[in-house]
Structures are given as structure tokens and as C-alpha cells.
């Protein structure tokens, strides 16, 4: 878990919830999958950002357990970026494979009923 200055945050990974005291924010690292990522140049992972009643949440479909929660969209994107980096570092240190970024997104337009 990475703690930073900010507002109160609540996160969930591997079924465990934790609330971080006011004055800190968090991104959480979780479990791994298959695949590898080359060191060096940048890698782009799809990040899903959801707006809740009082906060924003973000997660990475290709990195299960890599999530962040913050009060603003800007802050949650900063936290998830840090979370992805630390998640990959933790997988490498543990000798586990790093899942490749394979998820894609598509906006689908539909007619309102």
C-alpha cells in the first residue's frame, strides 16, 4: 500500500477493506496474472475510472487488485499511475510474471428508449 497526502480514502483488494485516515491517500497493489512486460519504454494499461457519490475509483483490468480511490478524478489518476508502477515492481521482485496490457475499450452509442 502506498500512502500520500490527501483526503480520506477507502480501498478494497483481495477482499480486504481499509480506510486511510484524513491527511493521506492510497493506491493498493494486488495479485498477478500471466505475461510479461519489457523494461525500458512506456507501457500503456487501460484504466477504468468510475465516479461515485463522494469519490472517484480507478482500477486496471489487466492488473487484478491494482486499485485507487480519491476525491477527485485528477488525484485518482495520479494514484493509479503510481499503483501500476509499484504493482509491476512488486511482481518483478517476487519473480512473478507481469501481465501484458491486453484490455481495450470501446464507446458504444445506443438509442435511448
PDB file of N, CA and C in Angstrom:
ATOM      1  N   UNK A   1       0.842  -1.172   0.000  1.00  0.00           N
ATOM      2  CA  UNK A   1       0.000   0.000   0.000  1.00  0.00           C
ATOM      3  C   UNK A   1       0.890   1.238   0.000  1.00  0.00           C
ATOM      4  N   UNK A   2       0.507   2.240  -0.754  1.00  0.00           N
ATOM      5  CA  UNK A   2       1.255   3.490  -0.836  1.00  0.00           C
ATOM      6  C   UNK A   2       0.402   4.594  -0.230  1.00  0.00           C
ATOM      7  N   UNK A   3       0.935   5.312   0.737  1.00  0.00           N
ATOM      8  CA  UNK A   3       0.185   6.400   1.366  1.00  0.00           C
ATOM      9  C   UNK A   3       0.750   7.740   0.928  1.00  0.00           C
ATOM     10  N   UNK A   4      -0.156   8.686   0.616  1.00  0.00           N
ATOM     11  CA  UNK A   4       0.254  10.026   0.201  1.00  0.00           C
ATOM     12  C   UNK A   4      -0.655  11.039   0.881  1.00  0.00           C
ATOM     13  N   UNK A   5      -0.232  12.287   0.886  1.00  0.00           N
ATOM     14  CA  UNK A   5      -1.085  13.338   1.436  1.00  0.00           C
ATOM     15  C   UNK A   5      -2.338  13.481   0.607  1.00  0.00           C
ATOM     16  N   UNK A   6      -3.426  13.813   1.236  1.00  0.00           N
ATOM     17  CA  UNK A   6      -4.684  13.970   0.529  1.00  0.00           C
ATOM     18  C   UNK A   6      -5.841  13.884   1.499  1.00  0.00           C
ATOM     19  N   UNK A   7      -6.985  13.433   1.007  1.00  0.00           N
ATOM     20  CA  UNK A   7      -8.183  13.319   1.828  1.00  0.00           C
ATOM     21  C   UNK A   7      -8.446  11.865   2.159  1.00  0.00           C
ATOM     22  N   UNK A   8      -9.448  11.599   2.954  1.00  0.00           N
ATOM     23  CA  UNK A   8      -9.775  10.247   3.400  1.00  0.00           C
ATOM     24  C   UNK A   8     -10.100   9.344   2.222  1.00  0.00           C
ATOM     25  N   UNK A   9      -9.562   8.128   2.219  1.00  0.00           N
ATOM     26  CA  UNK A   9      -9.757   7.183   1.135  1.00  0.00           C
ATOM     27  C   UNK A   9     -10.175   5.818   1.690  1.00  0.00           C
ATOM     28  N   UNK A  10     -10.951   5.077   0.924  1.00  0.00           N
ATOM     29  CA  UNK A  10     -11.298   3.704   1.259  1.00  0.00           C
ATOM     30  C   UNK A  10     -11.007   2.854   0.039  1.00  0.00           C
ATOM     31  N   UNK A  11     -10.285   1.755   0.223  1.00  0.00           N
ATOM     32  CA  UNK A  11      -9.925   0.899  -0.903  1.00  0.00           C
ATOM     33  C   UNK A  11     -10.212  -0.556  -0.577  1.00  0.00           C
ATOM     34  N   UNK A  12     -10.288  -1.382  -1.602  1.00  0.00           N
ATOM     35  CA  UNK A  12     -10.519  -2.811  -1.432  1.00  0.00           C
ATOM     36  C   UNK A  12      -9.629  -3.577  -2.390  1.00  0.00           C
ATOM     37  N   UNK A  13      -8.962  -4.586  -1.890  1.00  0.00           N
ATOM     38  CA  UNK A  13      -8.193  -5.505  -2.738  1.00  0.00           C
ATOM     39  C   UNK A  13      -8.117  -6.833  -2.024  1.00  0.00           C
ATOM     40  N   UNK A  14      -8.266  -7.910  -2.779  1.00  0.00           N
ATOM     41  CA  UNK A  14      -8.252  -9.257  -2.220  1.00  0.00           C
ATOM     42  C   UNK A  14      -9.297  -9.403  -1.121  1.00  0.00           C
ATOM     43  N   UNK A  15     -10.389  -8.688  -1.259  1.00  0.00           N
ATOM     44  CA  UNK A  15     -11.493  -8.822  -0.315  1.00  0.00           C
ATOM     45  C   UNK A  15     -11.305  -8.091   1.001  1.00  0.00           C
ATOM     46  N   UNK A  16     -10.199  -7.381   1.184  1.00  0.00           N
ATOM     47  CA  UNK A  16      -9.957  -6.678   2.446  1.00  0.00           C
ATOM     48  C   UNK A  16     -10.168  -5.183   2.250  1.00  0.00           C
ATOM     49  N   UNK A  17     -10.935  -4.558   3.117  1.00  0.00           N
ATOM     50  CA  UNK A  17     -11.184  -3.129   3.052  1.00  0.00           C
ATOM     51  C   UNK A  17     -10.293  -2.409   4.051  1.00  0.00           C
ATOM     52  N   UNK A  18      -9.832  -1.233   3.685  1.00  0.00           N
ATOM     53  CA  UNK A  18      -9.080  -0.430   4.638  1.00  0.00           C
ATOM     54  C   UNK A  18      -9.434   1.031   4.427  1.00  0.00           C
ATOM     55  N   UNK A  19      -9.537   1.761   5.499  1.00  0.00           N
ATOM     56  CA  UNK A  19      -9.797   3.185   5.440  1.00  0.00           C
ATOM     57  C   UNK A  19      -8.544   3.906   5.890  1.00  0.00           C
ATOM     58  N   UNK A  20      -8.096   4.833   5.093  1.00  0.00           N
ATOM     59  CA  UNK A  20      -6.882   5.574   5.403  1.00  0.00           C
ATOM     60  C   UNK A  20      -7.277   6.875   6.074  1.00  0.00           C
ATOM     61  N   UNK A  21      -6.632   7.223   7.189  1.00  0.00           N
ATOM     62  CA  UNK A  21      -7.007   8.442   7.917  1.00  0.00           C
ATOM     63  C   UNK A  21      -6.881   9.694   7.065  1.00  0.00           C
ATOM     64  N   UNK A  22      -7.675  10.731   7.417  1.00  0.00           N
ATOM     65  CA  UNK A  22      -7.601  12.008   6.727  1.00  0.00           C
ATOM     66  C   UNK A  22      -6.161  12.491   6.753  1.00  0.00           C
ATOM     67  N   UNK A  23      -5.741  13.097   5.640  1.00  0.00           N
ATOM     68  CA  UNK A  23      -4.359  13.544   5.535  1.00  0.00           C
ATOM     69  C   UNK A  23      -3.511  12.586   4.716  1.00  0.00           C
ATOM     70  N   UNK A  24      -4.123  11.484   4.267  1.00  0.00           N
ATOM     71  CA  UNK A  24      -3.395  10.523   3.444  1.00  0.00           C
ATOM     72  C   UNK A  24      -4.318  10.027   2.338  1.00  0.00           C
ATOM     73  N   UNK A  25      -3.709   9.547   1.254  1.00  0.00           N
ATOM     74  CA  UNK A  25      -4.468   8.900   0.196  1.00  0.00           C
ATOM     75  C   UNK A  25      -3.764   7.599  -0.123  1.00  0.00           C
ATOM     76  N   UNK A  26      -4.343   6.772  -0.973  1.00  0.00           N
ATOM     77  CA  UNK A  26      -3.748   5.463  -1.159  1.00  0.00           C
ATOM     78  C   UNK A  26      -3.970   4.877  -2.533  1.00  0.00           C
ATOM     79  N   UNK A  27      -3.064   4.022  -2.941  1.00  0.00           N
ATOM     80  CA  UNK A  27      -3.303   3.095  -4.038  1.00  0.00           C
ATOM     81  C   UNK A  27      -2.849   1.742  -3.525  1.00  0.00           C
ATOM     82  N   UNK A  28      -3.474   0.690  -3.970  1.00  0.00           N
ATOM     83  CA  UNK A  28      -3.239  -0.616  -3.392  1.00  0.00           C
ATOM     84  C   UNK A  28      -2.775  -1.585  -4.454  1.00  0.00           C
ATOM     85  N   UNK A  29      -1.853  -2.444  -4.096  1.00  0.00           N
ATOM     86  CA  UNK A  29      -1.327  -3.422  -5.025  1.00  0.00           C
ATOM     87  C   UNK A  29      -1.934  -4.774  -4.710  1.00  0.00           C
ATOM     88  N   UNK A  30      -2.203  -5.565  -5.759  1.00  0.00           N
ATOM     89  CA  UNK A  30      -2.855  -6.848  -5.531  1.00  0.00           C
ATOM     90  C   UNK A  30      -2.175  -8.007  -6.216  1.00  0.00           C
ATOM     91  N   UNK A  31      -2.955  -8.960  -6.720  1.00  0.00           N
ATOM     92  CA  UNK A  31      -2.455 -10.212  -7.250  1.00  0.00           C
ATOM     93  C   UNK A  31      -1.975 -10.102  -8.686  1.00  0.00           C
ATOM     94  N   UNK A  32      -1.383 -11.196  -9.188  1.00  0.00           N
ATOM     95  CA  UNK A  32      -0.772 -11.198 -10.523  1.00  0.00           C
ATOM     96  C   UNK A  32      -1.470 -12.132 -11.480  1.00  0.00           C
ATOM     97  N   UNK A  33      -1.077 -12.047 -12.751  1.00  0.00           N
ATOM     98  CA  UNK A  33      -1.569 -12.947 -13.784  1.00  0.00           C
ATOM     99  C   UNK A  33      -0.412 -13.424 -14.628  1.00  0.00           C
ATOM    100  N   UNK A  34      -0.652 -13.829 -15.856  1.00  0.00           N
ATOM    101  CA  UNK A  34       0.404 -14.307 -16.748  1.00  0.00           C
ATOM    102  C   UNK A  34       0.861 -13.206 -17.688  1.00  0.00           C
ATOM    103  N   UNK A  35       2.019 -13.411 -18.293  1.00  0.00           N
ATOM    104  CA  UNK A  35       2.510 -12.476 -19.291  1.00  0.00           C
ATOM    105  C   UNK A  35       3.776 -11.778 -18.846  1.00  0.00           C
ATOM    106  N   UNK A  36       4.276 -10.907 -19.689  1.00  0.00           N
ATOM    107  CA  UNK A  36       5.483 -10.159 -19.354  1.00  0.00           C
ATOM    108  C   UNK A  36       5.440  -8.782 -19.995  1.00  0.00           C
ATOM    109  N   UNK A  37       6.171  -7.870 -19.403  1.00  0.00           N
ATOM    110  CA  UNK A  37       6.280  -6.508 -19.929  1.00  0.00           C
ATOM    111  C   UNK A  37       7.761  -6.192 -19.997  1.00  0.00           C
ATOM    112  N   UNK A  38       8.210  -5.624 -21.111  1.00  0.00           N
ATOM    113  CA  UNK A  38       9.621  -5.309 -21.268  1.00  0.00           C
ATOM    114  C   UNK A  38       9.970  -4.035 -20.528  1.00  0.00           C
ATOM    115  N   UNK A  39      11.132  -4.035 -19.902  1.00  0.00           N
ATOM    116  CA  UNK A  39      11.610  -2.823 -19.241  1.00  0.00           C
ATOM    117  C   UNK A  39      12.041  -1.817 -20.292  1.00  0.00           C
ATOM    118  N   UNK A  40      12.129  -0.584 -19.907  1.00  0.00           N
ATOM    119  CA  UNK A  40      12.565   0.446 -20.857  1.00  0.00           C
ATOM    120  C   UNK A  40      11.439   1.389 -21.174  1.00  0.00           C
ATOM    121  N   UNK A  41      10.977   1.375 -22.420  1.00  0.00           N
ATOM    122  CA  UNK A  41       9.938   2.290 -22.883  1.00  0.00           C
ATOM    123  C   UNK A  41       8.646   2.162 -22.097  1.00  0.00           C
ATOM    124  N   UNK A  42       7.751   3.090 -22.311  1.00  0.00           N
ATOM    125  CA  UNK A  42       6.496   3.107 -21.591  1.00  0.00           C
ATOM    126  C   UNK A  42       5.546   1.995 -22.006  1.00  0.00           C
ATOM    127  N   UNK A  43       4.701   1.618 -21.086  1.00  0.00           N
ATOM    128  CA  UNK A  43       3.665   0.625 -21.325  1.00  0.00           C
ATOM    129  C   UNK A  43       2.338   1.283 -20.991  1.00  0.00           C
ATOM    130  N   UNK A  44       1.316   1.044 -21.795  1.00  0.00           N
ATOM    131  CA  UNK A  44       0.006   1.645 -21.554  1.00  0.00           C
ATOM    132  C   UNK A  44      -0.992   0.591 -21.132  1.00  0.00           C
ATOM    133  N   UNK A  45      -1.539   0.739 -19.932  1.00  0.00           N
ATOM    134  CA  UNK A  45      -2.594  -0.129 -19.426  1.00  0.00           C
ATOM    135  C   UNK A  45      -3.912   0.631 -19.456  1.00  0.00           C
ATOM    136  N   UNK A  46      -4.983  -0.056 -19.764  1.00  0.00           N
ATOM    137  CA  UNK A  46      -6.314   0.527 -19.696  1.00  0.00           C
ATOM    138  C   UNK A  46      -6.666   0.735 -18.226  1.00  0.00           C
ATOM    139  N   UNK A  47      -7.118   1.935 -17.890  1.00  0.00           N
ATOM    140  CA  UNK A  47      -7.563   2.270 -16.539  1.00  0.00           C
ATOM    141  C   UNK A  47      -9.032   2.637 -16.623  1.00  0.00           C
ATOM    142  N   UNK A  48      -9.841   1.994 -15.796  1.00  0.00           N
ATOM    143  CA  UNK A  48     -11.267   2.313 -15.723  1.00  0.00           C
ATOM    144  C   UNK A  48     -11.466   3.254 -14.546  1.00  0.00           C
ATOM    145  N   UNK A  49     -12.076   4.412 -14.811  1.00  0.00           N
ATOM    146  CA  UNK A  49     -12.351   5.397 -13.763  1.00  0.00           C
ATOM    147  C   UNK A  49     -13.858   5.468 -13.590  1.00  0.00           C
ATOM    148  N   UNK A  50     -14.308   5.334 -12.342  1.00  0.00           N
ATOM    149  CA  UNK A  50     -15.731   5.408 -12.032  1.00  0.00           C
ATOM    150  C   UNK A  50     -15.976   6.515 -11.029  1.00  0.00           C
ATOM    151  N   UNK A  51     -17.044   7.283 -11.251  1.00  0.00           N
ATOM    152  CA  UNK A  51     -17.414   8.339 -10.312  1.00  0.00           C
ATOM    153  C   UNK A  51     -18.493   7.824  -9.388  1.00  0.00           C
ATOM    154  N   UNK A  52     -18.236   7.919  -8.088  1.00  0.00           N
ATOM    155  CA  UNK A  52     -19.225   7.563  -7.086  1.00  0.00           C
ATOM    156  C   UNK A  52     -19.888   8.812  -6.542  1.00  0.00           C
ATOM    157  N   UNK A  53     -20.687   8.636  -5.497  1.00  0.00           N
ATOM    158  CA  UNK A  53     -21.378   9.789  -4.900  1.00  0.00           C
ATOM    159  C   UNK A  53     -20.410  10.799  -4.298  1.00  0.00           C
ATOM    160  N   UNK A  54     -19.336  10.302  -3.681  1.00  0.00           N
ATOM    161  CA  UNK A  54     -18.419  11.210  -2.991  1.00  0.00           C
ATOM    162  C   UNK A  54     -16.965  11.052  -3.399  1.00  0.00           C
ATOM    163  N   UNK A  55     -16.678  10.157  -4.351  1.00  0.00           N
ATOM    164  CA  UNK A  55     -15.286   9.930  -4.719  1.00  0.00           C
ATOM    165  C   UNK A  55     -15.186   9.327  -6.115  1.00  0.00           C
ATOM    166  N   UNK A  56     -13.952   9.172  -6.561  1.00  0.00           N
ATOM    167  CA  UNK A  56     -13.649   8.505  -7.821  1.00  0.00           C
ATOM    168  C   UNK A  56     -12.869   7.238  -7.508  1.00  0.00           C
ATOM    169  N   UNK A  57     -13.134   6.189  -8.252  1.00  0.00           N
ATOM    170  CA  UNK A  57     -12.380   4.954  -8.126  1.00  0.00           C
ATOM    171  C   UNK A  57     -11.739   4.638  -9.457  1.00  0.00           C
ATOM    172  N   UNK A  58     -10.608   3.943  -9.418  1.00  0.00           N
ATOM    173  CA  UNK A  58      -9.927   3.531 -10.651  1.00  0.00           C
ATOM    174  C   UNK A  58      -9.372   2.135 -10.450  1.00  0.00           C
ATOM    175  N   UNK A  59      -9.411   1.333 -11.514  1.00  0.00           N
ATOM    176  CA  UNK A  59      -8.801   0.008 -11.463  1.00  0.00           C
ATOM    177  C   UNK A  59      -8.247  -0.343 -12.829  1.00  0.00           C
ATOM    178  N   UNK A  60      -7.372  -1.342 -12.838  1.00  0.00           N
ATOM    179  CA  UNK A  60      -6.695  -1.769 -14.057  1.00  0.00           C
ATOM    180  C   UNK A  60      -7.113  -3.208 -14.339  1.00  0.00           C
ATOM    181  N   UNK A  61      -7.945  -3.447 -15.355  1.00  0.00           N
ATOM    182  CA  UNK A  61      -8.422  -4.801 -15.636  1.00  0.00           C
ATOM    183  C   UNK A  61      -7.307  -5.828 -15.829  1.00  0.00           C
ATOM    184  N   UNK A  62      -6.176  -5.414 -16.383  1.00  0.00           N
ATOM    185  CA  UNK A  62      -5.080  -6.341 -16.638  1.00  0.00           C
ATOM    186  C   UNK A  62      -4.191  -6.588 -15.420  1.00  0.00           C
ATOM    187  N   UNK A  63      -4.383  -5.828 -14.348  1.00  0.00           N
ATOM    188  CA  UNK A  63      -3.608  -5.991 -13.117  1.00  0.00           C
ATOM    189  C   UNK A  63      -4.579  -6.164 -11.947  1.00  0.00           C
ATOM    190  N   UNK A  64      -5.136  -7.357 -11.770  1.00  0.00           N
ATOM    191  CA  UNK A  64      -6.122  -7.583 -10.703  1.00  0.00           C
ATOM    192  C   UNK A  64      -5.609  -7.122  -9.337  1.00  0.00           C
ATOM    193  N   UNK A  65      -6.434  -6.350  -8.643  1.00  0.00           N
ATOM    194  CA  UNK A  65      -6.082  -5.850  -7.322  1.00  0.00           C
ATOM    195  C   UNK A  65      -5.407  -4.497  -7.328  1.00  0.00           C
ATOM    196  N   UNK A  66      -5.068  -3.973  -8.487  1.00  0.00           N
ATOM    197  CA  UNK A  66      -4.440  -2.656  -8.570  1.00  0.00           C
ATOM    198  C   UNK A  66      -5.555  -1.630  -8.678  1.00  0.00           C
ATOM    199  N   UNK A  67      -5.855  -0.960  -7.555  1.00  0.00           N
ATOM    200  CA  UNK A  67      -6.979  -0.031  -7.479  1.00  0.00           C
ATOM    201  C   UNK A  67      -6.569   1.235  -6.732  1.00  0.00           C
ATOM    202  N   UNK A  68      -7.326   2.294  -6.949  1.00  0.00           N
ATOM    203  CA  UNK A  68      -7.112   3.546  -6.214  1.00  0.00           C
ATOM    204  C   UNK A  68      -8.453   4.234  -6.029  1.00  0.00           C
ATOM    205  N   UNK A  69      -8.571   4.992  -4.956  1.00  0.00           N
ATOM    206  CA  UNK A  69      -9.770   5.778  -4.670  1.00  0.00           C
ATOM    207  C   UNK A  69      -9.336   7.154  -4.199  1.00  0.00           C
ATOM    208  N   UNK A  70     -10.001   8.197  -4.710  1.00  0.00           N
ATOM    209  CA  UNK A  70      -9.672   9.565  -4.320  1.00  0.00           C
ATOM    210  C   UNK A  70     -10.912  10.441  -4.489  1.00  0.00           C
ATOM    211  N   UNK A  71     -10.840  11.642  -3.985  1.00  0.00           N
ATOM    212  CA  UNK A  71     -11.984  12.549  -4.063  1.00  0.00           C
ATOM    213  C   UNK A  71     -12.094  13.262  -5.404  1.00  0.00           C
ATOM    214  N   UNK A  72     -11.007  13.312  -6.179  1.00  0.00           N
ATOM    215  CA  UNK A  72     -11.063  13.960  -7.489  1.00  0.00           C
ATOM    216  C   UNK A  72     -10.551  13.011  -8.571  1.00  0.00           C
ATOM    217  N   UNK A  73     -10.984  13.245  -9.797  1.00  0.00           N
ATOM    218  CA  UNK A  73     -10.527  12.433 -10.937  1.00  0.00           C
ATOM    219  C   UNK A  73      -9.018  12.594 -11.124  1.00  0.00           C
ATOM    220  N   UNK A  74      -8.553  13.804 -11.024  1.00  0.00           N
ATOM    221  CA  UNK A  74      -7.121  14.070 -11.189  1.00  0.00           C
ATOM    222  C   UNK A  74      -6.292  13.291 -10.165  1.00  0.00           C
ATOM    223  N   UNK A  75      -6.731  13.310  -8.917  1.00  0.00           N
ATOM    224  CA  UNK A  75      -5.993  12.615  -7.863  1.00  0.00           C
ATOM    225  C   UNK A  75      -6.031  11.096  -8.052  1.00  0.00           C
ATOM    226  N   UNK A  76      -7.186  10.549  -8.461  1.00  0.00           N
ATOM    227  CA  UNK A  76      -7.274   9.104  -8.629  1.00  0.00           C
ATOM    228  C   UNK A  76      -6.392   8.646  -9.786  1.00  0.00           C
ATOM    229  N   UNK A  77      -6.275   9.450 -10.845  1.00  0.00           N
ATOM    230  CA  UNK A  77      -5.391   9.089 -11.956  1.00  0.00           C
ATOM    231  C   UNK A  77      -3.926   9.125 -11.530  1.00  0.00           C
ATOM    232  N   UNK A  78      -3.566  10.078 -10.704  1.00  0.00           N
ATOM    233  CA  UNK A  78      -2.200  10.133 -10.182  1.00  0.00           C
ATOM    234  C   UNK A  78      -1.908   8.901  -9.335  1.00  0.00           C
ATOM    235  N   UNK A  79      -2.843   8.534  -8.474  1.00  0.00           N
ATOM    236  CA  UNK A  79      -2.648   7.379  -7.598  1.00  0.00           C
ATOM    237  C   UNK A  79      -2.592   6.067  -8.366  1.00  0.00           C
ATOM    238  N   UNK A  80      -3.460   5.890  -9.364  1.00  0.00           N
ATOM    239  CA  UNK A  80      -3.454   4.628 -10.101  1.00  0.00           C
ATOM    240  C   UNK A  80      -2.177   4.511 -10.930  1.00  0.00           C
ATOM    241  N   UNK A  81      -1.666   5.627 -11.432  1.00  0.00           N
ATOM    242  CA  UNK A  81      -0.394   5.602 -12.168  1.00  0.00           C
ATOM    243  C   UNK A  81       0.728   5.105 -11.253  1.00  0.00           C
ATOM    244  N   UNK A  82       0.780   5.624 -10.041  1.00  0.00           N
ATOM    245  CA  UNK A  82       1.772   5.173  -9.065  1.00  0.00           C
ATOM    246  C   UNK A  82       1.533   3.703  -8.696  1.00  0.00           C
ATOM    247  N   UNK A  83       0.266   3.342  -8.546  1.00  0.00           N
ATOM    248  CA  UNK A  83      -0.081   1.971  -8.196  1.00  0.00           C
ATOM    249  C   UNK A  83       0.368   0.975  -9.248  1.00  0.00           C
ATOM    250  N   UNK A  84       0.190   1.325 -10.520  1.00  0.00           N
ATOM    251  CA  UNK A  84       0.617   0.442 -11.614  1.00  0.00           C
ATOM    252  C   UNK A  84       2.127   0.233 -11.548  1.00  0.00           C
ATOM    253  N   UNK A  85       2.867   1.303 -11.389  1.00  0.00           N
ATOM    254  CA  UNK A  85       4.326   1.202 -11.317  1.00  0.00           C
ATOM    255  C   UNK A  85       4.753   0.307 -10.163  1.00  0.00           C
ATOM    256  N   UNK A  86       4.191   0.530  -8.994  1.00  0.00           N
ATOM    257  CA  UNK A  86       4.560  -0.262  -7.819  1.00  0.00           C
ATOM    258  C   UNK A  86       4.085  -1.707  -7.933  1.00  0.00           C
ATOM    259  N   UNK A  87       2.935  -1.916  -8.537  1.00  0.00           N
ATOM    260  CA  UNK A  87       2.405  -3.259  -8.743  1.00  0.00           C
ATOM    261  C   UNK A  87       3.379  -4.070  -9.604  1.00  0.00           C
ATOM    262  N   UNK A  88       3.814  -3.475 -10.704  1.00  0.00           N
ATOM    263  CA  UNK A  88       4.751  -4.151 -11.606  1.00  0.00           C
ATOM    264  C   UNK A  88       6.080  -4.417 -10.899  1.00  0.00           C
ATOM    265  N   UNK A  89       6.582  -3.437 -10.153  1.00  0.00           N
ATOM    266  CA  UNK A  89       7.829  -3.627  -9.406  1.00  0.00           C
ATOM    267  C   UNK A  89       7.701  -4.776  -8.411  1.00  0.00           C
ATOM    268  N   UNK A  90       6.571  -4.847  -7.708  1.00  0.00           N
ATOM    269  CA  UNK A  90       6.358  -5.907  -6.718  1.00  0.00           C
ATOM    270  C   UNK A  90       6.298  -7.278  -7.391  1.00  0.00           C
ATOM    271  N   UNK A  91       5.643  -7.369  -8.545  1.00  0.00           N
ATOM    272  CA  UNK A  91       5.593  -8.638  -9.269  1.00  0.00           C
ATOM    273  C   UNK A  91       6.988  -9.078  -9.685  1.00  0.00           C
ATOM    274  N   UNK A  92       7.770  -8.163 -10.209  1.00  0.00           N
ATOM    275  CA  UNK A  92       9.136  -8.494 -10.642  1.00  0.00           C
ATOM    276  C   UNK A  92       9.996  -8.931  -9.467  1.00  0.00           C
ATOM    277  N   UNK A  93       9.902  -8.211  -8.339  1.00  0.00           N
ATOM    278  CA  UNK A  93      10.679  -8.565  -7.150  1.00  0.00           C
ATOM    279  C   UNK A  93      10.306  -9.949  -6.635  1.00  0.00           C
ATOM    280  N   UNK A  94       9.041 -10.332  -6.787  1.00  0.00           N
ATOM    281  CA  UNK A  94       8.571 -11.638  -6.331  1.00  0.00           C
ATOM    282  C   UNK A  94       8.855 -12.735  -7.366  1.00  0.00           C
ATOM    283  N   UNK A  95       9.411 -12.349  -8.519  1.00  0.00           N
ATOM    284  CA  UNK A  95       9.696 -13.314  -9.559  1.00  0.00           C
ATOM    285  C   UNK A  95       8.451 -13.806 -10.277  1.00  0.00           C
ATOM    286  N   UNK A  96       7.368 -13.045 -10.183  1.00  0.00           N
ATOM    287  CA  UNK A  96       6.115 -13.414 -10.838  1.00  0.00           C
ATOM    288  C   UNK A  96       6.018 -12.719 -12.197  1.00  0.00           C
ATOM    289  N   UNK A  97       5.296 -13.338 -13.134  1.00  0.00           N
ATOM    290  CA  UNK A  97       5.142 -12.701 -14.448  1.00  0.00           C
ATOM    291  C   UNK A  97       4.280 -11.443 -14.360  1.00  0.00           C
ATOM    292  N   UNK A  98       4.580 -10.485 -15.202  1.00  0.00           N
ATOM    293  CA  UNK A  98       3.809  -9.246 -15.274  1.00  0.00           C
ATOM    294  C   UNK A  98       2.818  -9.384 -16.431  1.00  0.00           C
ATOM    295  N   UNK A  99       1.519  -9.256 -16.138  1.00  0.00           N
ATOM    296  CA  UNK A  99       0.525  -9.386 -17.206  1.00  0.00           C
ATOM    297  C   UNK A  99       0.711  -8.310 -18.276  1.00  0.00           C
ATOM    298  N   UNK A 100       0.632  -8.698 -19.530  1.00  0.00           N
ATOM    299  CA  UNK A 100       0.734  -7.691 -20.594  1.00  0.00           C
ATOM    300  C   UNK A 100      -0.547  -6.869 -20.667  1.00  0.00           C
ATOM    301  N   UNK A 101      -0.453  -5.642 -21.137  1.00  0.00           N
ATOM    302  CA  UNK A 101      -1.660  -4.829 -21.300  1.00  0.00           C
ATOM    303  C   UNK A 101      -2.444  -5.298 -22.531  1.00  0.00           C
ATOM    304  N   UNK A 102      -3.558  -6.004 -22.304  1.00  0.00           N
ATOM    305  CA  UNK A 102      -4.336  -6.532 -23.429  1.00  0.00           C
ATOM    306  C   UNK A 102      -5.755  -5.975 -23.495  1.00  0.00           C
ATOM    307  N   UNK A 103      -6.236  -5.373 -22.416  1.00  0.00           N
ATOM    308  CA  UNK A 103      -7.601  -4.845 -22.408  1.00  0.00           C
ATOM    309  C   UNK A 103      -7.709  -3.623 -23.299  1.00  0.00           C
ATOM    310  N   UNK A 104      -8.835  -3.500 -23.965  1.00  0.00           N
ATOM    311  CA  UNK A 104      -9.134  -2.355 -24.824  1.00  0.00           C
ATOM    312  C   UNK A 104     -10.504  -1.808 -24.409  1.00  0.00           C
ATOM    313  N   UNK A 105     -10.792  -0.594 -24.811  1.00  0.00           N
ATOM    314  CA  UNK A 105     -12.117  -0.029 -24.517  1.00  0.00           C
ATOM    315  C   UNK A 105     -12.767   0.423 -25.804  1.00  0.00           C
ATOM    316  N   UNK A 106     -14.067   0.501 -25.759  1.00  0.00           N
ATOM    317  CA  UNK A 106     -14.834   0.961 -26.905  1.00  0.00           C
ATOM    318  C   UNK A 106     -16.092   1.636 -26.381  1.00  0.00           C
ATOM    319  N   UNK A 107     -16.371   2.816 -26.861  1.00  0.00           N
ATOM    320  CA  UNK A 107     -17.612   3.505 -26.523  1.00  0.00           C
ATOM    321  C   UNK A 107     -18.667   3.036 -27.528  1.00  0.00           C
ATOM    322  N   UNK A 108     -19.811   2.635 -27.025  1.00  0.00           N
ATOM    323  CA  UNK A 108     -20.891   2.137 -27.874  1.00  0.00           C
ATOM    324  C   UNK A 108     -22.062   3.102 -27.776  1.00  0.00           C
ATOM    325  N   UNK A 109     -22.495   3.615 -28.917  1.00  0.00           N
ATOM    326  CA  UNK A 109     -23.625   4.544 -28.954  1.00  0.00           C
ATOM    327  C   UNK A 109     -24.913   3.752 -29.159  1.00  0.00           C
ATOM    328  N   UNK A 110     -25.918   4.033 -28.325  1.00  0.00           N
ATOM    329  CA  UNK A 110     -27.212   3.370 -28.451  1.00  0.00           C
ATOM    330  C   UNK A 110     -28.324   4.423 -28.449  1.00  0.00           C
ATOM    331  N   UNK A 111     -29.450   4.069 -29.018  1.00  0.00           N
ATOM    332  CA  UNK A 111     -30.600   4.982 -28.990  1.00  0.00           C
ATOM    333  C   UNK A 111     -31.293   4.844 -27.645  1.00  0.00           C
ATOM    334  N   UNK A 112     -31.710   5.976 -27.104  1.00  0.00           N
ATOM    335  CA  UNK A 112     -32.422   5.952 -25.825  1.00  0.00           C
ATOM    336  C   UNK A 112     -33.812   5.382 -26.057  1.00  0.00           C
ATOM    337  N   UNK A 113     -34.306   4.640 -25.089  1.00  0.00           N
ATOM    338  CA  UNK A 113     -35.630   4.002 -25.224  1.00  0.00           C
ATOM    339  C   UNK A 113     -36.762   5.004 -25.065  1.00  0.00           C
TER     340      UNK A 113
END
